Amino acid sequence: MEVIYSLIPAMIFLGLAMVVVLVWAIRRGQYEDLEGDAHRILHDDDDPNLPAEMRGQKRKAPRSDKVMPDADDD
C-alpha cells in the first residue's frame, strides 16, 4: 500500500510532463506537415529536369583500393 502513495504522484508528474512535451511539439510546428513525407516519397528522384540538390543524389563514399591482409597470410 505504501508503494501506491509514491506511484500516484509519480504518474501525475509523468502525465503532466508528457502534456508539456506535447504542447511544446505543437507550438514548434512538429505536426504542421503530416502528409509531406507521404507525398515526397512518390516524387521521381531520377528526373533529369530536377536540380541536383532535389534529386536526392547520395554522395558516394571514397573507394579504398587497399587490400586488407588475411590472417592466414604470413
PDB file of N, CA and C in Angstrom:
ATOM      1  N   MET A   1       0.817  -1.194   0.000  1.00  0.00           N
ATOM      2  CA  MET A   1       0.000   0.000   0.000  1.00  0.00           C
ATOM      3  C   MET A   1       0.863   1.261   0.000  1.00  0.00           C
ATOM      4  N   GLU A   2       2.035   1.188   0.624  1.00  0.00           N
ATOM      5  CA  GLU A   2       2.903   2.343   0.669  1.00  0.00           C
ATOM      6  C   GLU A   2       3.440   2.690  -0.723  1.00  0.00           C
ATOM      7  N   VAL A   3       3.543   1.695  -1.592  1.00  0.00           N
ATOM      8  CA  VAL A   3       4.047   1.926  -2.934  1.00  0.00           C
ATOM      9  C   VAL A   3       3.076   2.798  -3.716  1.00  0.00           C
ATOM     10  N   ILE A   4       1.792   2.612  -3.490  1.00  0.00           N
ATOM     11  CA  ILE A   4       0.782   3.390  -4.207  1.00  0.00           C
ATOM     12  C   ILE A   4       0.917   4.874  -3.879  1.00  0.00           C
ATOM     13  N   TYR A   5       1.282   5.186  -2.653  1.00  0.00           N
ATOM     14  CA  TYR A   5       1.429   6.579  -2.254  1.00  0.00           C
ATOM     15  C   TYR A   5       2.570   7.278  -2.999  1.00  0.00           C
ATOM     16  N   SER A   6       3.545   6.509  -3.442  1.00  0.00           N
ATOM     17  CA  SER A   6       4.619   7.117  -4.232  1.00  0.00           C
ATOM     18  C   SER A   6       4.348   7.016  -5.731  1.00  0.00           C
ATOM     19  N   LEU A   7       3.608   5.999  -6.163  1.00  0.00           N
ATOM     20  CA  LEU A   7       3.339   5.842  -7.588  1.00  0.00           C
ATOM     21  C   LEU A   7       2.329   6.853  -8.118  1.00  0.00           C
ATOM     22  N   ILE A   8       1.323   7.186  -7.329  1.00  0.00           N
ATOM     23  CA  ILE A   8       0.297   8.129  -7.801  1.00  0.00           C
ATOM     24  C   ILE A   8       0.908   9.498  -8.104  1.00  0.00           C
ATOM     25  N   PRO A   9       1.676  10.109  -7.226  1.00  0.00           N
ATOM     26  CA  PRO A   9       2.294  11.385  -7.581  1.00  0.00           C
ATOM     27  C   PRO A   9       3.297  11.264  -8.734  1.00  0.00           C
ATOM     28  N   ALA A  10       3.989  10.146  -8.799  1.00  0.00           N
ATOM     29  CA  ALA A  10       4.937   9.951  -9.884  1.00  0.00           C
ATOM     30  C   ALA A  10       4.212   9.881 -11.231  1.00  0.00           C
ATOM     31  N   MET A  11       3.097   9.195 -11.290  1.00  0.00           N
ATOM     32  CA  MET A  11       2.332   9.095 -12.539  1.00  0.00           C
ATOM     33  C   MET A  11       1.675  10.424 -12.903  1.00  0.00           C
ATOM     34  N   ILE A  12       1.254  11.176 -11.929  1.00  0.00           N
ATOM     35  CA  ILE A  12       0.697  12.507 -12.205  1.00  0.00           C
ATOM     36  C   ILE A  12       1.785  13.411 -12.770  1.00  0.00           C
ATOM     37  N   PHE A  13       2.972  13.367 -12.175  1.00  0.00           N
ATOM     38  CA  PHE A  13       4.090  14.155 -12.678  1.00  0.00           C
ATOM     39  C   PHE A  13       4.475  13.731 -14.090  1.00  0.00           C
ATOM     40  N   LEU A  14       4.536  12.433 -14.339  1.00  0.00           N
ATOM     41  CA  LEU A  14       4.887  11.927 -15.659  1.00  0.00           C
ATOM     42  C   LEU A  14       3.830  12.330 -16.695  1.00  0.00           C
ATOM     43  N   GLY A  15       2.557  12.266 -16.322  1.00  0.00           N
ATOM     44  CA  GLY A  15       1.493  12.682 -17.223  1.00  0.00           C
ATOM     45  C   GLY A  15       1.569  14.164 -17.552  1.00  0.00           C
ATOM     46  N   LEU A  16       1.828  14.995 -16.560  1.00  0.00           N
ATOM     47  CA  LEU A  16       1.968  16.428 -16.796  1.00  0.00           C
ATOM     48  C   LEU A  16       3.195  16.736 -17.666  1.00  0.00           C
ATOM     49  N   ALA A  17       4.265  15.998 -17.456  1.00  0.00           N
ATOM     50  CA  ALA A  17       5.463  16.190 -18.278  1.00  0.00           C
ATOM     51  C   ALA A  17       5.169  15.836 -19.733  1.00  0.00           C
ATOM     52  N   MET A  18       4.416  14.787 -19.975  1.00  0.00           N
ATOM     53  CA  MET A  18       4.081  14.401 -21.345  1.00  0.00           C
ATOM     54  C   MET A  18       3.168  15.432 -22.005  1.00  0.00           C
ATOM     55  N   VAL A  19       2.254  16.017 -21.237  1.00  0.00           N
ATOM     56  CA  VAL A  19       1.398  17.076 -21.781  1.00  0.00           C
ATOM     57  C   VAL A  19       2.239  18.292 -22.148  1.00  0.00           C
ATOM     58  N   VAL A  20       3.213  18.634 -21.311  1.00  0.00           N
ATOM     59  CA  VAL A  20       4.092  19.762 -21.606  1.00  0.00           C
ATOM     60  C   VAL A  20       4.892  19.491 -22.878  1.00  0.00           C
ATOM     61  N   VAL A  21       5.404  18.272 -23.050  1.00  0.00           N
ATOM     62  CA  VAL A  21       6.152  17.923 -24.256  1.00  0.00           C
ATOM     63  C   VAL A  21       5.247  17.992 -25.478  1.00  0.00           C
ATOM     64  N   LEU A  22       4.017  17.533 -25.374  1.00  0.00           N
ATOM     65  CA  LEU A  22       3.069  17.591 -26.486  1.00  0.00           C
ATOM     66  C   LEU A  22       2.773  19.034 -26.886  1.00  0.00           C
ATOM     67  N   VAL A  23       2.523  19.897 -25.903  1.00  0.00           N
ATOM     68  CA  VAL A  23       2.247  21.310 -26.194  1.00  0.00           C
ATOM     69  C   VAL A  23       3.475  21.957 -26.823  1.00  0.00           C
ATOM     70  N   TRP A  24       4.652  21.646 -26.324  1.00  0.00           N
ATOM     71  CA  TRP A  24       5.887  22.184 -26.892  1.00  0.00           C
ATOM     72  C   TRP A  24       6.049  21.754 -28.355  1.00  0.00           C
ATOM     73  N   ALA A  25       5.774  20.472 -28.659  1.00  0.00           N
ATOM     74  CA  ALA A  25       5.915  19.978 -30.025  1.00  0.00           C
ATOM     75  C   ALA A  25       4.899  20.636 -30.955  1.00  0.00           C
ATOM     76  N   ILE A  26       3.708  20.868 -30.484  1.00  0.00           N
ATOM     77  CA  ILE A  26       2.689  21.515 -31.310  1.00  0.00           C
ATOM     78  C   ILE A  26       3.093  22.956 -31.606  1.00  0.00           C
ATOM     79  N   ARG A  27       3.580  23.661 -30.607  1.00  0.00           N
ATOM     80  CA  ARG A  27       3.989  25.054 -30.813  1.00  0.00           C
ATOM     81  C   ARG A  27       5.212  25.170 -31.710  1.00  0.00           C
ATOM     82  N   ARG A  28       6.081  24.165 -31.712  1.00  0.00           N
ATOM     83  CA  ARG A  28       7.264  24.187 -32.565  1.00  0.00           C
ATOM     84  C   ARG A  28       6.950  23.770 -33.998  1.00  0.00           C
ATOM     85  N   GLY A  29       5.718  23.340 -34.274  1.00  0.00           N
ATOM     86  CA  GLY A  29       5.314  23.004 -35.635  1.00  0.00           C
ATOM     87  C   GLY A  29       5.602  21.580 -36.061  1.00  0.00           C
ATOM     88  N   GLN A  30       5.735  20.674 -35.117  1.00  0.00           N
ATOM     89  CA  GLN A  30       6.030  19.295 -35.456  1.00  0.00           C
ATOM     90  C   GLN A  30       4.880  18.616 -36.185  1.00  0.00           C
ATOM     91  N   TYR A  31       3.673  19.104 -36.001  1.00  0.00           N
ATOM     92  CA  TYR A  31       2.503  18.466 -36.599  1.00  0.00           C
ATOM     93  C   TYR A  31       1.909  19.299 -37.727  1.00  0.00           C
ATOM     94  N   GLU A  32       2.671  20.227 -38.294  1.00  0.00           N
ATOM     95  CA  GLU A  32       2.157  21.089 -39.347  1.00  0.00           C
ATOM     96  C   GLU A  32       2.028  20.350 -40.672  1.00  0.00           C
ATOM     97  N   ASP A  33       3.017  19.560 -41.055  1.00  0.00           N
ATOM     98  CA  ASP A  33       3.045  18.907 -42.359  1.00  0.00           C
ATOM     99  C   ASP A  33       2.970  17.398 -42.166  1.00  0.00           C
ATOM    100  N   LEU A  34       1.765  16.892 -41.964  1.00  0.00           N
ATOM    101  CA  LEU A  34       1.606  15.464 -41.705  1.00  0.00           C
ATOM    102  C   LEU A  34       1.690  14.631 -42.971  1.00  0.00           C
ATOM    103  N   GLU A  35       1.396  15.218 -44.127  1.00  0.00           N
ATOM    104  CA  GLU A  35       1.380  14.442 -45.363  1.00  0.00           C
ATOM    105  C   GLU A  35       2.575  14.736 -46.266  1.00  0.00           C
ATOM    106  N   GLY A  36       3.460  15.606 -45.862  1.00  0.00           N
ATOM    107  CA  GLY A  36       4.592  15.974 -46.707  1.00  0.00           C
ATOM    108  C   GLY A  36       5.490  14.802 -47.038  1.00  0.00           C
ATOM    109  N   ASP A  37       5.862  14.013 -46.047  1.00  0.00           N
ATOM    110  CA  ASP A  37       6.734  12.870 -46.302  1.00  0.00           C
ATOM    111  C   ASP A  37       6.034  11.816 -47.147  1.00  0.00           C
ATOM    112  N   ALA A  38       4.736  11.656 -46.952  1.00  0.00           N
ATOM    113  CA  ALA A  38       3.991  10.671 -47.738  1.00  0.00           C
ATOM    114  C   ALA A  38       3.966  11.052 -49.213  1.00  0.00           C
ATOM    115  N   HIS A  39       3.871  12.332 -49.513  1.00  0.00           N
ATOM    116  CA  HIS A  39       3.870  12.772 -50.911  1.00  0.00           C
ATOM    117  C   HIS A  39       5.293  12.849 -51.471  1.00  0.00           C
ATOM    118  N   ARG A  40       6.249  13.166 -50.635  1.00  0.00           N
ATOM    119  CA  ARG A  40       7.630  13.309 -51.079  1.00  0.00           C
ATOM    120  C   ARG A  40       8.201  11.986 -51.552  1.00  0.00           C
ATOM    121  N   ILE A  41       7.754  10.877 -50.976  1.00  0.00           N
ATOM    122  CA  ILE A  41       8.289   9.578 -51.360  1.00  0.00           C
ATOM    123  C   ILE A  41       7.835   9.177 -52.756  1.00  0.00           C
ATOM    124  N   LEU A  42       6.754   9.772 -53.238  1.00  0.00           N
ATOM    125  CA  LEU A  42       6.231   9.438 -54.555  1.00  0.00           C
ATOM    126  C   LEU A  42       6.919  10.204 -55.681  1.00  0.00           C
ATOM    127  N   HIS A  43       7.694  11.222 -55.358  1.00  0.00           N
ATOM    128  CA  HIS A  43       8.362  12.017 -56.380  1.00  0.00           C
ATOM    129  C   HIS A  43       9.491  11.211 -57.015  1.00  0.00           C
ATOM    130  N   ASP A  44       9.671  11.417 -58.308  1.00  0.00           N
ATOM    131  CA  ASP A  44      10.707  10.704 -59.039  1.00  0.00           C
ATOM    132  C   ASP A  44      12.032  11.433 -58.860  1.00  0.00           C
ATOM    133  N   ASP A  45      12.960  10.830 -58.134  1.00  0.00           N
ATOM    134  CA  ASP A  45      14.257  11.453 -57.884  1.00  0.00           C
ATOM    135  C   ASP A  45      15.190  11.354 -59.079  1.00  0.00           C
ATOM    136  N   ASP A  46      14.871  10.498 -60.052  1.00  0.00           N
ATOM    137  CA  ASP A  46      15.746  10.310 -61.200  1.00  0.00           C
ATOM    138  C   ASP A  46      15.394  11.235 -62.361  1.00  0.00           C
ATOM    139  N   ASP A  47      14.461  12.134 -62.166  1.00  0.00           N
ATOM    140  CA  ASP A  47      14.048  13.050 -63.225  1.00  0.00           C
ATOM    141  C   ASP A  47      15.210  13.979 -63.565  1.00  0.00           C
ATOM    142  N   PRO A  48      15.685  13.996 -64.818  1.00  0.00           N
ATOM    143  CA  PRO A  48      16.840  14.838 -65.164  1.00  0.00           C
ATOM    144  C   PRO A  48      16.521  16.329 -65.116  1.00  0.00           C
ATOM    145  N   ASN A  49      15.264  16.708 -65.098  1.00  0.00           N
ATOM    146  CA  ASN A  49      14.899  18.121 -65.059  1.00  0.00           C
ATOM    147  C   ASN A  49      14.963  18.708 -63.651  1.00  0.00           C
ATOM    148  N   LEU A  50      15.075  17.855 -62.644  1.00  0.00           N
ATOM    149  CA  LEU A  50      15.161  18.336 -61.267  1.00  0.00           C
ATOM    150  C   LEU A  50      16.568  18.862 -60.991  1.00  0.00           C
ATOM    151  N   PRO A  51      16.683  19.908 -60.177  1.00  0.00           N
ATOM    152  CA  PRO A  51      18.019  20.365 -59.771  1.00  0.00           C
ATOM    153  C   PRO A  51      18.732  19.276 -58.967  1.00  0.00           C
ATOM    154  N   ALA A  52      20.035  19.328 -58.964  1.00  0.00           N
ATOM    155  CA  ALA A  52      20.832  18.279 -58.311  1.00  0.00           C
ATOM    156  C   ALA A  52      20.514  18.152 -56.826  1.00  0.00           C
ATOM    157  N   GLU A  53      20.265  19.285 -56.146  1.00  0.00           N
ATOM    158  CA  GLU A  53      20.003  19.204 -54.701  1.00  0.00           C
ATOM    159  C   GLU A  53      18.648  18.591 -54.401  1.00  0.00           C
ATOM    160  N   MET A  54      17.731  18.577 -55.379  1.00  0.00           N
ATOM    161  CA  MET A  54      16.421  17.980 -55.156  1.00  0.00           C
ATOM    162  C   MET A  54      16.364  16.525 -55.605  1.00  0.00           C
ATOM    163  N   ARG A  55      17.372  16.063 -56.314  1.00  0.00           N
ATOM    164  CA  ARG A  55      17.365  14.688 -56.810  1.00  0.00           C
ATOM    165  C   ARG A  55      17.638  13.673 -55.719  1.00  0.00           C
ATOM    166  N   GLY A  56      18.157  14.122 -54.619  1.00  0.00           N
ATOM    167  CA  GLY A  56      18.456  13.193 -53.533  1.00  0.00           C
ATOM    168  C   GLY A  56      19.656  12.323 -53.848  1.00  0.00           C
ATOM    169  N   GLN A  57      20.570  12.862 -54.652  1.00  0.00           N
ATOM    170  CA  GLN A  57      21.737  12.076 -55.005  1.00  0.00           C
ATOM    171  C   GLN A  57      22.597  11.884 -53.775  1.00  0.00           C
ATOM    172  N   LYS A  58      22.954  10.666 -53.570  1.00  0.00           N
ATOM    173  CA  LYS A  58      23.805  10.344 -52.437  1.00  0.00           C
ATOM    174  C   LYS A  58      25.252  10.458 -52.870  1.00  0.00           C
ATOM    175  N   ARG A  59      26.037  11.024 -52.008  1.00  0.00           N
ATOM    176  CA  ARG A  59      27.462  11.106 -52.304  1.00  0.00           C
ATOM    177  C   ARG A  59      28.070   9.733 -52.089  1.00  0.00           C
ATOM    178  N   LYS A  60      28.848   9.332 -53.051  1.00  0.00           N
ATOM    179  CA  LYS A  60      29.492   8.031 -52.931  1.00  0.00           C
ATOM    180  C   LYS A  60      30.684   8.159 -52.000  1.00  0.00           C
ATOM    181  N   ALA A  61      30.841   7.167 -51.169  1.00  0.00           N
ATOM    182  CA  ALA A  61      31.971   7.144 -50.252  1.00  0.00           C
ATOM    183  C   ALA A  61      33.242   6.920 -51.056  1.00  0.00           C
ATOM    184  N   PRO A  62      34.337   7.544 -50.660  1.00  0.00           N
ATOM    185  CA  PRO A  62      35.581   7.319 -51.390  1.00  0.00           C
ATOM    186  C   PRO A  62      35.962   5.843 -51.334  1.00  0.00           C
ATOM    187  N   ARG A  63      36.315   5.335 -52.490  1.00  0.00           N
ATOM    188  CA  ARG A  63      36.622   3.914 -52.591  1.00  0.00           C
ATOM    189  C   ARG A  63      38.059   3.673 -52.175  1.00  0.00           C
ATOM    190  N   SER A  64      38.239   2.707 -51.363  1.00  0.00           N
ATOM    191  CA  SER A  64      39.577   2.366 -50.905  1.00  0.00           C
ATOM    192  C   SER A  64      40.028   1.112 -51.634  1.00  0.00           C
ATOM    193  N   ASP A  65      41.153   1.208 -52.339  1.00  0.00           N
ATOM    194  CA  ASP A  65      41.684   0.057 -53.077  1.00  0.00           C
ATOM    195  C   ASP A  65      42.672  -0.733 -52.238  1.00  0.00           C
ATOM    196  N   LYS A  66      42.824  -0.347 -51.006  1.00  0.00           N
ATOM    197  CA  LYS A  66      43.746  -1.061 -50.137  1.00  0.00           C
ATOM    198  C   LYS A  66      43.179  -2.444 -49.815  1.00  0.00           C
ATOM    199  N   VAL A  67      44.026  -3.431 -49.874  1.00  0.00           N
ATOM    200  CA  VAL A  67      43.602  -4.783 -49.573  1.00  0.00           C
ATOM    201  C   VAL A  67      44.072  -5.115 -48.154  1.00  0.00           C
ATOM    202  N   MET A  68      43.145  -5.570 -47.364  1.00  0.00           N
ATOM    203  CA  MET A  68      43.488  -5.940 -46.010  1.00  0.00           C
ATOM    204  C   MET A  68      44.115  -7.318 -46.019  1.00  0.00           C
ATOM    205  N   PRO A  69      45.199  -7.496 -45.305  1.00  0.00           N
ATOM    206  CA  PRO A  69      45.845  -8.817 -45.284  1.00  0.00           C
ATOM    207  C   PRO A  69      44.993  -9.826 -44.530  1.00  0.00           C
ATOM    208  N   ASP A  70      45.032 -11.051 -45.021  1.00  0.00           N
ATOM    209  CA  ASP A  70      44.322 -12.131 -44.338  1.00  0.00           C
ATOM    210  C   ASP A  70      45.131 -12.584 -43.139  1.00  0.00           C
ATOM    211  N   ALA A  71      44.453 -13.183 -42.202  1.00  0.00           N
ATOM    212  CA  ALA A  71      45.136 -13.701 -41.020  1.00  0.00           C
ATOM    213  C   ALA A  71      45.996 -14.908 -41.392  1.00  0.00           C
ATOM    214  N   ASP A  72      45.635 -15.610 -42.484  1.00  0.00           N
ATOM    215  CA  ASP A  72      46.387 -16.800 -42.885  1.00  0.00           C
ATOM    216  C   ASP A  72      47.672 -16.442 -43.612  1.00  0.00           C
ATOM    217  N   ASP A  73      47.762 -15.225 -44.189  1.00  0.00           N
ATOM    218  CA  ASP A  73      48.968 -14.843 -44.921  1.00  0.00           C
ATOM    219  C   ASP A  73      50.086 -14.519 -43.939  1.00  0.00           C
ATOM    220  N   ASP A  74      51.227 -15.143 -44.143  1.00  0.00           N
ATOM    221  CA  ASP A  74      52.384 -14.873 -43.265  1.00  0.00           C
ATOM    222  C   ASP A  74      53.517 -14.296 -44.037  1.00  0.00           C
TER     223      ASP A  74
END
